[in-house]
Amino acid sequence: MGFYAKYVLPRIAHFVCSSKLITQQRKKVVPRARGRVLEIGIGSGLNLPFYDPEKVRHVWGLDPNEDMWNLNSSHSVSFDVEFLQASAEKIPLVDDSADSIVVTYTLCSVPKTIEALQDMRRVLRPGGELIFCEHGAAPEQRVRRWQKRLNPIWQKAAGGCRLNLQIPTLLKQGGFKIRALDTMYIQGMKFASFNYWGTAVSATA
């Protein structure tokens, strides 16, 4: 891991992902989690303040980058939090472990997205919810063209983040059935600010 990836990128990601607009998006989805929660891409723990302590018993925070987790020294919450240093494609939990899975602004940087979603479905108990908020492909063709043009540069600068993921399509390909879905642009650069958020369950549930 180079200097930029180890020391610079985590701080940029923490700063951007703690913005007021993104925080407002987190508040819309994270309180839905209940029971034993697996958070994919916990990063520096920015979602932790928004879990409902009356509904959540335990959070597994999965992230391949421990440097991100260590950026935030304040992880004080009333429920148990266990950091798992691992990739989303190989989740170190047994089948049907989690009552809820939370993924916010993470799928864009998971290299094997379908494989990761399939493993999330494996560890999610029958009837459990996948709770998501992601940025992705914009509805306008003009903006999508810019997303495609900028992707190669953006990926290198932003730790593998892809701008134009079709989030609903990926969820379905990963074996999920969408229960609720909202979309809109949040304030910011249009090519990076179209958001999808909602809930999904296993398609076989």
C-alpha atoms as a PDB file:
ATOM      1  CA  MET A   1       0.000   0.000   0.000  1.00  0.00           C
ATOM      2  CA  GLY A   2       1.485   3.342  -1.098  1.00  0.00           C
ATOM      3  CA  PHE A   3       1.732   6.567   0.903  1.00  0.00           C
ATOM      4  CA  TYR A   4      -1.328   8.116  -0.772  1.00  0.00           C
ATOM      5  CA  ALA A   5      -3.542   5.058  -0.155  1.00  0.00           C
ATOM      6  CA  LYS A   6      -2.386   4.602   3.440  1.00  0.00           C
ATOM      7  CA  TYR A   7      -2.164   8.173   4.758  1.00  0.00           C
ATOM      8  CA  VAL A   8      -3.898  10.608   2.385  1.00  0.00           C
ATOM      9  CA  LEU A   9      -6.908   8.788   0.952  1.00  0.00           C
ATOM     10  CA  PRO A  10      -8.384   7.695   4.329  1.00  0.00           C
ATOM     11  CA  ARG A  11      -8.400  11.300   5.536  1.00  0.00           C
ATOM     12  CA  ILE A  12      -9.979  12.579   2.326  1.00  0.00           C
ATOM     13  CA  ALA A  13     -12.637   9.851   2.512  1.00  0.00           C
ATOM     14  CA  HIS A  14     -13.376  10.643   6.160  1.00  0.00           C
ATOM     15  CA  PHE A  15     -13.715  14.357   5.402  1.00  0.00           C
ATOM     16  CA  VAL A  16     -15.977  13.905   2.351  1.00  0.00           C
ATOM     17  CA  CYS A  17     -18.132  11.198   3.922  1.00  0.00           C
ATOM     18  CA  SER A  18     -18.728  13.244   7.060  1.00  0.00           C
ATOM     19  CA  SER A  19     -20.221  16.158   5.114  1.00  0.00           C
ATOM     20  CA  LYS A  20     -23.602  17.495   6.218  1.00  0.00           C
ATOM     21  CA  LEU A  21     -25.411  16.258   3.091  1.00  0.00           C
ATOM     22  CA  ILE A  22     -24.081  12.710   3.322  1.00  0.00           C
ATOM     23  CA  THR A  23     -24.773  12.689   7.052  1.00  0.00           C
ATOM     24  CA  GLN A  24     -28.406  13.559   6.298  1.00  0.00           C
ATOM     25  CA  GLN A  25     -28.574  10.545   3.989  1.00  0.00           C
ATOM     26  CA  ARG A  26     -27.115   8.283   6.673  1.00  0.00           C
ATOM     27  CA  LYS A  27     -29.801   9.448   9.103  1.00  0.00           C
ATOM     28  CA  LYS A  28     -32.489   8.273   6.677  1.00  0.00           C
ATOM     29  CA  VAL A  29     -31.381   4.642   6.608  1.00  0.00           C
ATOM     30  CA  VAL A  30     -29.143   3.630   9.515  1.00  0.00           C
ATOM     31  CA  PRO A  31     -31.856   3.817  12.246  1.00  0.00           C
ATOM     32  CA  ARG A  32     -33.731   1.010  10.448  1.00  0.00           C
ATOM     33  CA  ALA A  33     -31.102  -1.539  11.515  1.00  0.00           C
ATOM     34  CA  ARG A  34     -31.961  -3.952  14.306  1.00  0.00           C
ATOM     35  CA  GLY A  35     -30.563  -6.922  16.208  1.00  0.00           C
ATOM     36  CA  ARG A  36     -27.167  -8.185  15.083  1.00  0.00           C
ATOM     37  CA  VAL A  37     -25.962  -5.780  12.409  1.00  0.00           C
ATOM     38  CA  LEU A  38     -23.248  -6.239   9.822  1.00  0.00           C
ATOM     39  CA  GLU A  39     -22.017  -2.936   8.417  1.00  0.00           C
ATOM     40  CA  ILE A  40     -20.115  -3.307   5.163  1.00  0.00           C
ATOM     41  CA  GLY A  41     -17.375  -0.700   4.778  1.00  0.00           C
ATOM     42  CA  ILE A  42     -17.606   0.784   8.248  1.00  0.00           C
ATOM     43  CA  GLY A  43     -14.652   3.064   7.520  1.00  0.00           C
ATOM     44  CA  SER A  44     -14.126   5.496  10.379  1.00  0.00           C
ATOM     45  CA  GLY A  45     -17.441   4.630  12.024  1.00  0.00           C
ATOM     46  CA  LEU A  46     -19.503   7.555  10.755  1.00  0.00           C
ATOM     47  CA  ASN A  47     -22.748   5.540  10.911  1.00  0.00           C
ATOM     48  CA  LEU A  48     -22.372   4.511  14.545  1.00  0.00           C
ATOM     49  CA  PRO A  49     -24.113   7.552  16.103  1.00  0.00           C
ATOM     50  CA  PHE A  50     -27.254   6.861  14.051  1.00  0.00           C
ATOM     51  CA  TYR A  51     -27.970   3.290  15.125  1.00  0.00           C
ATOM     52  CA  ASP A  52     -30.917   3.020  17.504  1.00  0.00           C
ATOM     53  CA  PRO A  53     -29.424   1.574  20.736  1.00  0.00           C
ATOM     54  CA  GLU A  54     -32.837   0.241  21.721  1.00  0.00           C
ATOM     55  CA  LYS A  55     -32.958  -1.924  18.592  1.00  0.00           C
ATOM     56  CA  VAL A  56     -29.299  -2.851  17.997  1.00  0.00           C
ATOM     57  CA  ARG A  57     -27.491  -5.484  20.073  1.00  0.00           C
ATOM     58  CA  HIS A  58     -24.205  -5.881  18.226  1.00  0.00           C
ATOM     59  CA  VAL A  59     -22.493  -4.353  15.190  1.00  0.00           C
ATOM     60  CA  TRP A  60     -19.855  -6.113  13.149  1.00  0.00           C
ATOM     61  CA  GLY A  61     -17.979  -3.397  11.287  1.00  0.00           C
ATOM     62  CA  LEU A  62     -16.291  -4.863   8.233  1.00  0.00           C
ATOM     63  CA  ASP A  63     -13.592  -3.004   6.335  1.00  0.00           C
ATOM     64  CA  PRO A  64     -10.352  -4.092   4.648  1.00  0.00           C
ATOM     65  CA  ASN A  65      -8.632  -0.852   5.730  1.00  0.00           C
ATOM     66  CA  GLU A  66      -7.921  -0.723   9.457  1.00  0.00           C
ATOM     67  CA  ASP A  67      -6.309   2.705   9.003  1.00  0.00           C
ATOM     68  CA  MET A  68      -9.764   4.125   8.237  1.00  0.00           C
ATOM     69  CA  TRP A  69     -11.205   2.625  11.431  1.00  0.00           C
ATOM     70  CA  ASN A  70      -8.327   4.038  13.488  1.00  0.00           C
ATOM     71  CA  LEU A  71      -8.904   7.554  12.126  1.00  0.00           C
ATOM     72  CA  ASN A  72     -11.826   8.063  14.478  1.00  0.00           C
ATOM     73  CA  SER A  73     -10.810   7.579  18.084  1.00  0.00           C
ATOM     74  CA  SER A  74     -14.402   8.038  19.323  1.00  0.00           C
ATOM     75  CA  HIS A  75     -16.414   4.847  18.812  1.00  0.00           C
ATOM     76  CA  SER A  76     -18.248   5.099  22.129  1.00  0.00           C
ATOM     77  CA  VAL A  77     -21.745   3.630  21.835  1.00  0.00           C
ATOM     78  CA  SER A  78     -23.965   1.637  24.176  1.00  0.00           C
ATOM     79  CA  PHE A  79     -23.962  -1.530  22.044  1.00  0.00           C
ATOM     80  CA  ASP A  80     -21.108  -3.893  21.182  1.00  0.00           C
ATOM     81  CA  VAL A  81     -19.001  -3.034  18.132  1.00  0.00           C
ATOM     82  CA  GLU A  82     -16.580  -5.569  16.683  1.00  0.00           C
ATOM     83  CA  PHE A  83     -14.214  -4.550  13.876  1.00  0.00           C
ATOM     84  CA  LEU A  84     -13.624  -7.171  11.167  1.00  0.00           C
ATOM     85  CA  GLN A  85     -10.677  -6.512   8.879  1.00  0.00           C
ATOM     86  CA  ALA A  86     -11.817  -8.312   5.748  1.00  0.00           C
ATOM     87  CA  SER A  87     -13.191  -7.765   2.251  1.00  0.00           C
ATOM     88  CA  ALA A  88     -16.884  -7.738   1.452  1.00  0.00           C
ATOM     89  CA  GLU A  89     -16.390 -10.654  -0.941  1.00  0.00           C
ATOM     90  CA  LYS A  90     -15.259 -12.925   1.900  1.00  0.00           C
ATOM     91  CA  ILE A  91     -17.221 -12.044   5.030  1.00  0.00           C
ATOM     92  CA  PRO A  92     -15.815 -13.932   8.058  1.00  0.00           C
ATOM     93  CA  LEU A  93     -19.224 -14.831   9.513  1.00  0.00           C
ATOM     94  CA  VAL A  94     -21.289 -18.008   9.382  1.00  0.00           C
ATOM     95  CA  ASP A  95     -24.506 -18.296   7.393  1.00  0.00           C
ATOM     96  CA  ASP A  96     -27.582 -16.442   8.734  1.00  0.00           C
ATOM     97  CA  SER A  97     -25.525 -14.448  11.277  1.00  0.00           C
ATOM     98  CA  ALA A  98     -26.942 -10.962  10.752  1.00  0.00           C
ATOM     99  CA  ASP A  99     -30.440  -9.617  11.328  1.00  0.00           C
ATOM    100  CA  SER A 100     -29.607  -6.489   9.289  1.00  0.00           C
ATOM    101  CA  ILE A 101     -26.871  -5.485   6.881  1.00  0.00           C
ATOM    102  CA  VAL A 102     -26.044  -1.807   6.394  1.00  0.00           C
ATOM    103  CA  VAL A 103     -24.089  -0.582   3.388  1.00  0.00           C
ATOM    104  CA  THR A 104     -23.630   3.160   2.790  1.00  0.00           C
ATOM    105  CA  TYR A 105     -21.413   4.672   0.084  1.00  0.00           C
ATOM    106  CA  THR A 106     -19.429   1.437  -0.142  1.00  0.00           C
ATOM    107  CA  LEU A 107     -20.542  -0.674  -3.113  1.00  0.00           C
ATOM    108  CA  CYS A 108     -18.860   1.789  -5.474  1.00  0.00           C
ATOM    109  CA  SER A 109     -15.424   0.706  -4.240  1.00  0.00           C
ATOM    110  CA  VAL A 110     -15.986  -3.043  -3.844  1.00  0.00           C
ATOM    111  CA  PRO A 111     -14.127  -4.644  -6.773  1.00  0.00           C
ATOM    112  CA  LYS A 112     -16.334  -7.748  -7.135  1.00  0.00           C
ATOM    113  CA  THR A 113     -19.701  -6.220  -6.347  1.00  0.00           C
ATOM    114  CA  ILE A 114     -21.919  -9.172  -7.300  1.00  0.00           C
ATOM    115  CA  GLU A 115     -19.743 -11.610  -5.376  1.00  0.00           C
ATOM    116  CA  ALA A 116     -19.885  -9.336  -2.316  1.00  0.00           C
ATOM    117  CA  LEU A 117     -23.690  -9.035  -2.489  1.00  0.00           C
ATOM    118  CA  GLN A 118     -24.017 -12.804  -2.767  1.00  0.00           C
ATOM    119  CA  ASP A 119     -21.918 -13.221   0.368  1.00  0.00           C
ATOM    120  CA  MET A 120     -24.030 -10.613   2.165  1.00  0.00           C
ATOM    121  CA  ARG A 121     -27.106 -12.646   1.264  1.00  0.00           C
ATOM    122  CA  ARG A 122     -25.401 -15.730   2.715  1.00  0.00           C
ATOM    123  CA  VAL A 123     -24.839 -14.153   6.133  1.00  0.00           C
ATOM    124  CA  LEU A 124     -28.224 -12.377   6.299  1.00  0.00           C
ATOM    125  CA  ARG A 125     -30.817 -14.411   8.175  1.00  0.00           C
ATOM    126  CA  PRO A 126     -34.072 -15.296   6.388  1.00  0.00           C
ATOM    127  CA  GLY A 127     -36.348 -12.257   6.571  1.00  0.00           C
ATOM    128  CA  GLY A 128     -33.474  -9.930   7.452  1.00  0.00           C
ATOM    129  CA  GLU A 129     -33.040  -6.578   5.684  1.00  0.00           C
ATOM    130  CA  LEU A 130     -30.254  -5.143   3.586  1.00  0.00           C
ATOM    131  CA  ILE A 131     -30.343  -1.392   4.241  1.00  0.00           C
ATOM    132  CA  PHE A 132     -28.496   0.666   1.646  1.00  0.00           C
ATOM    133  CA  CYS A 133     -27.621   4.191   0.577  1.00  0.00           C
ATOM    134  CA  GLU A 134     -25.303   4.514  -2.417  1.00  0.00           C
ATOM    135  CA  HIS A 135     -24.400   6.935  -5.180  1.00  0.00           C
ATOM    136  CA  GLY A 136     -24.480   5.676  -8.743  1.00  0.00           C
ATOM    137  CA  ALA A 137     -25.606   6.073 -12.328  1.00  0.00           C
ATOM    138  CA  ALA A 138     -27.502   9.279 -12.977  1.00  0.00           C
ATOM    139  CA  PRO A 139     -30.872   9.202 -14.775  1.00  0.00           C
ATOM    140  CA  GLU A 140     -29.850  11.635 -17.549  1.00  0.00           C
ATOM    141  CA  GLN A 141     -27.863  10.283 -20.462  1.00  0.00           C
ATOM    142  CA  ARG A 142     -25.710  13.440 -20.598  1.00  0.00           C
ATOM    143  CA  VAL A 143     -24.584  12.988 -16.989  1.00  0.00           C
ATOM    144  CA  ARG A 144     -24.001   9.257 -17.509  1.00  0.00           C
ATOM    145  CA  ARG A 145     -21.688  10.062 -20.410  1.00  0.00           C
ATOM    146  CA  TRP A 146     -19.614  12.255 -18.089  1.00  0.00           C
ATOM    147  CA  GLN A 147     -19.600   9.527 -15.457  1.00  0.00           C
ATOM    148  CA  LYS A 148     -18.203   7.090 -18.015  1.00  0.00           C
ATOM    149  CA  ARG A 149     -15.525   9.556 -19.171  1.00  0.00           C
ATOM    150  CA  LEU A 150     -14.432  10.425 -15.638  1.00  0.00           C
ATOM    151  CA  ASN A 151     -14.494   6.897 -14.213  1.00  0.00           C
ATOM    152  CA  PRO A 152     -10.854   5.917 -14.965  1.00  0.00           C
ATOM    153  CA  ILE A 153      -9.432   9.068 -13.358  1.00  0.00           C
ATOM    154  CA  TRP A 154     -11.941   9.025 -10.484  1.00  0.00           C
ATOM    155  CA  GLN A 155     -11.186   5.410  -9.627  1.00  0.00           C
ATOM    156  CA  LYS A 156      -7.467   6.092  -9.285  1.00  0.00           C
ATOM    157  CA  ALA A 157      -7.971   9.202  -7.153  1.00  0.00           C
ATOM    158  CA  ALA A 158     -10.825   7.849  -4.998  1.00  0.00           C
ATOM    159  CA  GLY A 159      -9.626   4.401  -3.991  1.00  0.00           C
ATOM    160  CA  GLY A 160     -11.457   2.433  -6.674  1.00  0.00           C
ATOM    161  CA  CYS A 161     -14.780   4.287  -6.427  1.00  0.00           C
ATOM    162  CA  ARG A 162     -16.912   3.941  -9.566  1.00  0.00           C
ATOM    163  CA  LEU A 163     -19.354   6.673 -10.515  1.00  0.00           C
ATOM    164  CA  ASN A 164     -21.875   4.863 -12.684  1.00  0.00           C
ATOM    165  CA  LEU A 165     -23.017   1.727 -10.879  1.00  0.00           C
ATOM    166  CA  GLN A 166     -26.620   0.699 -11.572  1.00  0.00           C
ATOM    167  CA  ILE A 167     -27.488   0.039  -7.930  1.00  0.00           C
ATOM    168  CA  PRO A 168     -30.945  -1.589  -8.363  1.00  0.00           C
ATOM    169  CA  THR A 169     -29.615  -3.878 -11.098  1.00  0.00           C
ATOM    170  CA  LEU A 170     -26.634  -4.926  -8.991  1.00  0.00           C
ATOM    171  CA  LEU A 171     -28.834  -5.711  -5.993  1.00  0.00           C
ATOM    172  CA  LYS A 172     -31.026  -7.954  -8.135  1.00  0.00           C
ATOM    173  CA  GLN A 173     -28.006  -9.659  -9.702  1.00  0.00           C
ATOM    174  CA  GLY A 174     -26.652 -10.269  -6.205  1.00  0.00           C
ATOM    175  CA  GLY A 175     -29.807 -12.152  -5.241  1.00  0.00           C
ATOM    176  CA  PHE A 176     -31.815  -9.421  -3.518  1.00  0.00           C
ATOM    177  CA  LYS A 177     -35.368  -8.201  -3.989  1.00  0.00           C
ATOM    178  CA  ILE A 178     -35.861  -4.473  -3.434  1.00  0.00           C
ATOM    179  CA  ARG A 179     -38.617  -3.609  -0.971  1.00  0.00           C
ATOM    180  CA  ALA A 180     -38.262   0.170  -0.930  1.00  0.00           C
ATOM    181  CA  LEU A 181     -36.259   2.519  -3.136  1.00  0.00           C
ATOM    182  CA  ASP A 182     -35.870   6.301  -3.241  1.00  0.00           C
ATOM    183  CA  THR A 183     -33.612   8.319  -5.511  1.00  0.00           C
ATOM    184  CA  MET A 184     -32.512  11.928  -5.874  1.00  0.00           C
ATOM    185  CA  TYR A 185     -29.564  14.196  -6.457  1.00  0.00           C
ATOM    186  CA  ILE A 186     -27.992  15.551  -3.334  1.00  0.00           C
ATOM    187  CA  GLN A 187     -26.150  18.850  -3.585  1.00  0.00           C
ATOM    188  CA  GLY A 188     -22.757  18.596  -5.217  1.00  0.00           C
ATOM    189  CA  MET A 189     -21.139  17.635  -8.501  1.00  0.00           C
ATOM    190  CA  LYS A 190     -23.901  16.061 -10.556  1.00  0.00           C
ATOM    191  CA  PHE A 191     -21.743  13.214 -11.829  1.00  0.00           C
ATOM    192  CA  ALA A 192     -21.150  12.024  -8.246  1.00  0.00           C
ATOM    193  CA  SER A 193     -24.300  12.994  -6.406  1.00  0.00           C
ATOM    194  CA  PHE A 194     -27.190  10.844  -7.613  1.00  0.00           C
ATOM    195  CA  ASN A 195     -28.257   8.726  -4.625  1.00  0.00           C
ATOM    196  CA  TYR A 196     -30.192   5.489  -4.264  1.00  0.00           C
ATOM    197  CA  TRP A 197     -31.425   4.405  -0.853  1.00  0.00           C
ATOM    198  CA  GLY A 198     -33.839   1.874   0.582  1.00  0.00           C
ATOM    199  CA  THR A 199     -34.158  -1.715   1.741  1.00  0.00           C
ATOM    200  CA  ALA A 200     -33.937  -5.171   0.175  1.00  0.00           C
ATOM    201  CA  VAL A 201     -34.367  -8.783   1.220  1.00  0.00           C
ATOM    202  CA  SER A 202     -33.116 -12.065  -0.160  1.00  0.00           C
ATOM    203  CA  ALA A 203     -34.959 -12.895  -3.370  1.00  0.00           C
ATOM    204  CA  THR A 204     -35.532 -16.399  -2.033  1.00  0.00           C
ATOM    205  CA  ALA A 205     -37.064 -15.201   1.267  1.00  0.00           C
END
